[in-house]
Amino acid sequence: MVRLKSRYLLCEVNVSKRNELLLLDDRSIASAVRAAVARMQGDYGAALCSIRFSVKYLNAHTGIVFLRFPKRCYKLLWSALPFITSIESGRHIIPCFLNCLHVGGTIRTCQKFLIRYNAQQLHRMLPKCKNEEEKVQVRQAILSCCLPGGTKEEFQDDLESEEDEEE
């Protein structure tokens, strides 16, 4: 039996108004991606990407999307993403663009990347805090970011080593 290999694309949906993210659903994102691939790559690209393409995860609060597609056509799909300028969801047309954060072979590698990415974003927020209470909340959010099975001490060591590398 042959294993069918897939690629997972971790994307962030960027909109001008954050409340518009709640209007998104997985079907509207999938149809927008399929339309962009068909527009940019023609019938060949549309046929390749429609075989096993799916939206595996959508967080409407943060705008994070996992897209799954066959390994052989990930470059076709990836090259069409910048041409998505709006997503039609129901009767609403939401102007947005998709920012590709990571391409991985499994959902787990994308999840690990997303945890590191969120921790980096929180570290960027820390200097912008106005009072000590906000800083405490951001530090607690950083400490709560860890993989199941890992300890917070290991995660703190990783964060400290990343900070040392940045300096």
C-alpha atoms as a PDB file:
ATOM      1  CA  MET A   1       0.000   0.000   0.000  1.00  0.00           C
ATOM      2  CA  VAL A   2       1.302   3.441  -0.920  1.00  0.00           C
ATOM      3  CA  ARG A   3       1.103   6.297   1.546  1.00  0.00           C
ATOM      4  CA  LEU A   4      -0.277   9.506   0.091  1.00  0.00           C
ATOM      5  CA  LYS A   5       1.893  12.398   1.194  1.00  0.00           C
ATOM      6  CA  SER A   6       0.428  15.768   1.991  1.00  0.00           C
ATOM      7  CA  ARG A   7       1.724  19.205   2.854  1.00  0.00           C
ATOM      8  CA  TYR A   8       0.171  21.520   5.387  1.00  0.00           C
ATOM      9  CA  LEU A   9       0.289  25.253   4.939  1.00  0.00           C
ATOM     10  CA  LEU A  10      -0.090  27.435   8.029  1.00  0.00           C
ATOM     11  CA  CYS A  11      -1.585  30.783   7.023  1.00  0.00           C
ATOM     12  CA  GLU A  12      -2.759  33.887   8.784  1.00  0.00           C
ATOM     13  CA  VAL A  13      -5.784  35.761   7.448  1.00  0.00           C
ATOM     14  CA  ASN A  14      -5.147  39.509   7.716  1.00  0.00           C
ATOM     15  CA  VAL A  15      -8.149  41.814   7.680  1.00  0.00           C
ATOM     16  CA  SER A  16      -8.516  45.526   8.366  1.00  0.00           C
ATOM     17  CA  LYS A  17     -11.305  45.042  10.952  1.00  0.00           C
ATOM     18  CA  ARG A  18     -10.778  42.223  13.468  1.00  0.00           C
ATOM     19  CA  ASN A  19     -14.529  41.611  13.890  1.00  0.00           C
ATOM     20  CA  GLU A  20     -14.740  40.527  10.224  1.00  0.00           C
ATOM     21  CA  LEU A  21     -12.745  37.395  11.085  1.00  0.00           C
ATOM     22  CA  LEU A  22     -15.793  35.978  12.870  1.00  0.00           C
ATOM     23  CA  LEU A  23     -17.682  35.970   9.555  1.00  0.00           C
ATOM     24  CA  LEU A  24     -15.226  33.510   7.968  1.00  0.00           C
ATOM     25  CA  ASP A  25     -15.880  29.808   7.620  1.00  0.00           C
ATOM     26  CA  ASP A  26     -13.818  26.970   6.152  1.00  0.00           C
ATOM     27  CA  ARG A  27     -15.930  26.602   3.005  1.00  0.00           C
ATOM     28  CA  SER A  28     -15.512  30.250   2.026  1.00  0.00           C
ATOM     29  CA  ILE A  29     -11.729  30.077   2.495  1.00  0.00           C
ATOM     30  CA  ALA A  30     -11.533  26.842   0.495  1.00  0.00           C
ATOM     31  CA  SER A  31     -13.549  28.311  -2.373  1.00  0.00           C
ATOM     32  CA  ALA A  32     -11.412  31.473  -2.411  1.00  0.00           C
ATOM     33  CA  VAL A  33      -8.212  29.403  -2.555  1.00  0.00           C
ATOM     34  CA  ARG A  34      -9.601  27.160  -5.304  1.00  0.00           C
ATOM     35  CA  ALA A  35     -10.687  30.195  -7.329  1.00  0.00           C
ATOM     36  CA  ALA A  36      -7.256  31.819  -6.956  1.00  0.00           C
ATOM     37  CA  VAL A  37      -5.490  28.626  -8.059  1.00  0.00           C
ATOM     38  CA  ALA A  38      -7.815  28.275 -11.047  1.00  0.00           C
ATOM     39  CA  ARG A  39      -7.268  31.921 -11.977  1.00  0.00           C
ATOM     40  CA  MET A  40      -3.469  31.791 -11.688  1.00  0.00           C
ATOM     41  CA  GLN A  41      -2.636  28.227 -12.742  1.00  0.00           C
ATOM     42  CA  GLY A  42      -5.484  27.424 -15.114  1.00  0.00           C
ATOM     43  CA  ASP A  43      -7.342  24.132 -15.427  1.00  0.00           C
ATOM     44  CA  TYR A  44      -4.246  22.032 -14.775  1.00  0.00           C
ATOM     45  CA  GLY A  45      -3.531  23.679 -11.411  1.00  0.00           C
ATOM     46  CA  ALA A  46      -7.179  23.662 -10.421  1.00  0.00           C
ATOM     47  CA  ALA A  47      -7.460  19.947 -11.147  1.00  0.00           C
ATOM     48  CA  LEU A  48      -4.255  19.076  -9.259  1.00  0.00           C
ATOM     49  CA  CYS A  49      -5.139  21.082  -6.182  1.00  0.00           C
ATOM     50  CA  SER A  50      -8.765  20.023  -5.985  1.00  0.00           C
ATOM     51  CA  ILE A  51      -7.985  16.307  -5.581  1.00  0.00           C
ATOM     52  CA  ARG A  52      -7.227  16.239  -1.839  1.00  0.00           C
ATOM     53  CA  PHE A  53      -7.301  19.926  -0.892  1.00  0.00           C
ATOM     54  CA  SER A  54      -9.071  20.820   2.358  1.00  0.00           C
ATOM     55  CA  VAL A  55      -9.131  23.367   5.135  1.00  0.00           C
ATOM     56  CA  LYS A  56      -8.197  21.333   8.206  1.00  0.00           C
ATOM     57  CA  TYR A  57      -8.454  24.054  10.853  1.00  0.00           C
ATOM     58  CA  LEU A  58      -9.752  27.601  11.082  1.00  0.00           C
ATOM     59  CA  ASN A  59      -9.599  29.783  14.172  1.00  0.00           C
ATOM     60  CA  ALA A  60     -11.951  32.664  13.487  1.00  0.00           C
ATOM     61  CA  HIS A  61     -10.716  34.626  16.501  1.00  0.00           C
ATOM     62  CA  THR A  62      -7.022  34.674  15.536  1.00  0.00           C
ATOM     63  CA  GLY A  63      -7.307  34.168  11.767  1.00  0.00           C
ATOM     64  CA  ILE A  64      -5.071  31.061  11.710  1.00  0.00           C
ATOM     65  CA  VAL A  65      -5.792  28.521   8.953  1.00  0.00           C
ATOM     66  CA  PHE A  66      -4.298  25.083   8.203  1.00  0.00           C
ATOM     67  CA  LEU A  67      -4.586  24.065   4.544  1.00  0.00           C
ATOM     68  CA  ARG A  68      -3.902  20.471   3.460  1.00  0.00           C
ATOM     69  CA  PHE A  69      -3.071  19.549  -0.122  1.00  0.00           C
ATOM     70  CA  PRO A  70      -1.079  16.934  -2.056  1.00  0.00           C
ATOM     71  CA  LYS A  71       2.690  17.194  -1.828  1.00  0.00           C
ATOM     72  CA  ARG A  72       3.201  17.435  -5.573  1.00  0.00           C
ATOM     73  CA  CYS A  73       1.133  20.607  -6.000  1.00  0.00           C
ATOM     74  CA  TYR A  74       2.007  22.705  -2.944  1.00  0.00           C
ATOM     75  CA  LYS A  75       4.036  25.162  -5.026  1.00  0.00           C
ATOM     76  CA  LEU A  76       1.038  25.804  -7.291  1.00  0.00           C
ATOM     77  CA  LEU A  77      -1.176  26.547  -4.328  1.00  0.00           C
ATOM     78  CA  TRP A  78       1.467  28.567  -2.494  1.00  0.00           C
ATOM     79  CA  SER A  79       2.101  30.769  -5.534  1.00  0.00           C
ATOM     80  CA  ALA A  80      -1.617  31.571  -5.878  1.00  0.00           C
ATOM     81  CA  LEU A  81      -2.132  32.731  -2.272  1.00  0.00           C
ATOM     82  CA  PRO A  82      -0.894  36.337  -2.771  1.00  0.00           C
ATOM     83  CA  PHE A  83      -3.631  36.874  -5.347  1.00  0.00           C
ATOM     84  CA  ILE A  84      -6.446  36.368  -2.832  1.00  0.00           C
ATOM     85  CA  THR A  85      -7.678  39.878  -2.042  1.00  0.00           C
ATOM     86  CA  SER A  86     -11.120  39.104  -0.646  1.00  0.00           C
ATOM     87  CA  ILE A  87     -13.167  36.197   0.635  1.00  0.00           C
ATOM     88  CA  GLU A  88     -16.897  35.910   0.051  1.00  0.00           C
ATOM     89  CA  SER A  89     -18.672  34.491   3.088  1.00  0.00           C
ATOM     90  CA  GLY A  90     -22.433  34.336   2.753  1.00  0.00           C
ATOM     91  CA  ARG A  91     -23.579  37.782   1.710  1.00  0.00           C
ATOM     92  CA  HIS A  92     -20.426  39.483   2.990  1.00  0.00           C
ATOM     93  CA  ILE A  93     -17.307  40.207   0.978  1.00  0.00           C
ATOM     94  CA  ILE A  94     -14.360  40.484   3.352  1.00  0.00           C
ATOM     95  CA  PRO A  95     -11.260  42.254   1.994  1.00  0.00           C
ATOM     96  CA  CYS A  96      -8.213  40.372   3.252  1.00  0.00           C
ATOM     97  CA  PHE A  97      -4.988  38.665   2.314  1.00  0.00           C
ATOM     98  CA  LEU A  98      -3.370  35.393   3.382  1.00  0.00           C
ATOM     99  CA  ASN A  99       0.078  35.505   4.937  1.00  0.00           C
ATOM    100  CA  CYS A 100       1.894  32.156   4.698  1.00  0.00           C
ATOM    101  CA  LEU A 101       3.700  31.447   7.983  1.00  0.00           C
ATOM    102  CA  HIS A 102       4.939  27.867   7.565  1.00  0.00           C
ATOM    103  CA  VAL A 103       4.887  24.854   5.246  1.00  0.00           C
ATOM    104  CA  GLY A 104       5.073  21.500   7.008  1.00  0.00           C
ATOM    105  CA  GLY A 105       4.766  17.801   6.338  1.00  0.00           C
ATOM    106  CA  THR A 106       2.481  17.157   9.319  1.00  0.00           C
ATOM    107  CA  ILE A 107      -0.036  19.060  11.362  1.00  0.00           C
ATOM    108  CA  ARG A 108       2.152  18.519  14.427  1.00  0.00           C
ATOM    109  CA  THR A 109       5.113  20.410  12.927  1.00  0.00           C
ATOM    110  CA  CYS A 110       2.777  23.271  12.049  1.00  0.00           C
ATOM    111  CA  GLN A 111       1.437  23.286  15.612  1.00  0.00           C
ATOM    112  CA  LYS A 112       4.966  23.423  17.030  1.00  0.00           C
ATOM    113  CA  PHE A 113       5.793  26.318  14.742  1.00  0.00           C
ATOM    114  CA  LEU A 114       2.584  28.106  15.737  1.00  0.00           C
ATOM    115  CA  ILE A 115       3.474  27.831  19.435  1.00  0.00           C
ATOM    116  CA  ARG A 116       6.930  29.319  18.804  1.00  0.00           C
ATOM    117  CA  TYR A 117       5.423  32.035  16.608  1.00  0.00           C
ATOM    118  CA  ASN A 118       2.859  32.999  19.258  1.00  0.00           C
ATOM    119  CA  ALA A 119       5.568  33.135  21.938  1.00  0.00           C
ATOM    120  CA  GLN A 120       7.628  35.465  19.721  1.00  0.00           C
ATOM    121  CA  GLN A 121       4.604  37.696  19.194  1.00  0.00           C
ATOM    122  CA  LEU A 122       4.061  37.862  22.952  1.00  0.00           C
ATOM    123  CA  HIS A 123       7.722  38.774  23.481  1.00  0.00           C
ATOM    124  CA  ARG A 124       7.268  41.615  21.009  1.00  0.00           C
ATOM    125  CA  MET A 125       4.254  42.806  22.981  1.00  0.00           C
ATOM    126  CA  LEU A 126       6.087  42.835  26.325  1.00  0.00           C
ATOM    127  CA  PRO A 127       8.072  46.081  25.772  1.00  0.00           C
ATOM    128  CA  LYS A 128       4.901  47.849  24.609  1.00  0.00           C
ATOM    129  CA  CYS A 129       3.028  47.202  27.874  1.00  0.00           C
ATOM    130  CA  LYS A 130       2.072  50.391  29.702  1.00  0.00           C
ATOM    131  CA  ASN A 131       1.863  49.155  33.289  1.00  0.00           C
ATOM    132  CA  GLU A 132       3.088  46.289  35.430  1.00  0.00           C
ATOM    133  CA  GLU A 133      -0.279  44.493  35.412  1.00  0.00           C
ATOM    134  CA  GLU A 134      -0.193  44.157  31.604  1.00  0.00           C
ATOM    135  CA  LYS A 135       3.384  42.866  31.774  1.00  0.00           C
ATOM    136  CA  VAL A 136       2.356  40.188  34.291  1.00  0.00           C
ATOM    137  CA  GLN A 137      -0.509  39.091  32.014  1.00  0.00           C
ATOM    138  CA  VAL A 138       1.798  38.856  28.978  1.00  0.00           C
ATOM    139  CA  ARG A 139       4.399  36.887  30.978  1.00  0.00           C
ATOM    140  CA  GLN A 140       1.692  34.436  32.116  1.00  0.00           C
ATOM    141  CA  ALA A 141       0.555  34.051  28.512  1.00  0.00           C
ATOM    142  CA  ILE A 142       4.149  33.279  27.485  1.00  0.00           C
ATOM    143  CA  LEU A 143       4.505  30.678  30.228  1.00  0.00           C
ATOM    144  CA  SER A 144       1.203  29.035  29.290  1.00  0.00           C
ATOM    145  CA  CYS A 145       2.521  28.380  25.761  1.00  0.00           C
ATOM    146  CA  CYS A 146       3.982  24.889  25.896  1.00  0.00           C
ATOM    147  CA  LEU A 147       3.503  21.574  24.165  1.00  0.00           C
ATOM    148  CA  PRO A 148       1.677  18.769  25.968  1.00  0.00           C
ATOM    149  CA  GLY A 149       4.254  16.535  27.596  1.00  0.00           C
ATOM    150  CA  GLY A 150       6.812  19.325  27.894  1.00  0.00           C
ATOM    151  CA  THR A 151       7.559  21.241  31.065  1.00  0.00           C
ATOM    152  CA  LYS A 152       7.396  24.978  31.499  1.00  0.00           C
ATOM    153  CA  GLU A 153      11.030  24.990  32.603  1.00  0.00           C
ATOM    154  CA  GLU A 154      12.129  23.453  29.285  1.00  0.00           C
ATOM    155  CA  PHE A 155      10.028  25.990  27.416  1.00  0.00           C
ATOM    156  CA  GLN A 156      11.489  28.882  29.446  1.00  0.00           C
ATOM    157  CA  ASP A 157      15.000  27.633  28.662  1.00  0.00           C
ATOM    158  CA  ASP A 158      14.113  27.554  24.959  1.00  0.00           C
ATOM    159  CA  LEU A 159      12.752  31.110  25.140  1.00  0.00           C
ATOM    160  CA  GLU A 160      15.851  32.357  26.942  1.00  0.00           C
ATOM    161  CA  SER A 161      18.138  30.736  24.365  1.00  0.00           C
ATOM    162  CA  GLU A 162      16.091  32.343  21.550  1.00  0.00           C
ATOM    163  CA  GLU A 163      16.427  35.729  23.262  1.00  0.00           C
ATOM    164  CA  ASP A 164      20.207  35.247  23.537  1.00  0.00           C
ATOM    165  CA  GLU A 165      20.411  34.416  19.828  1.00  0.00           C
ATOM    166  CA  GLU A 166      18.455  37.563  18.893  1.00  0.00           C
ATOM    167  CA  GLU A 167      20.819  39.834  20.861  1.00  0.00           C
END
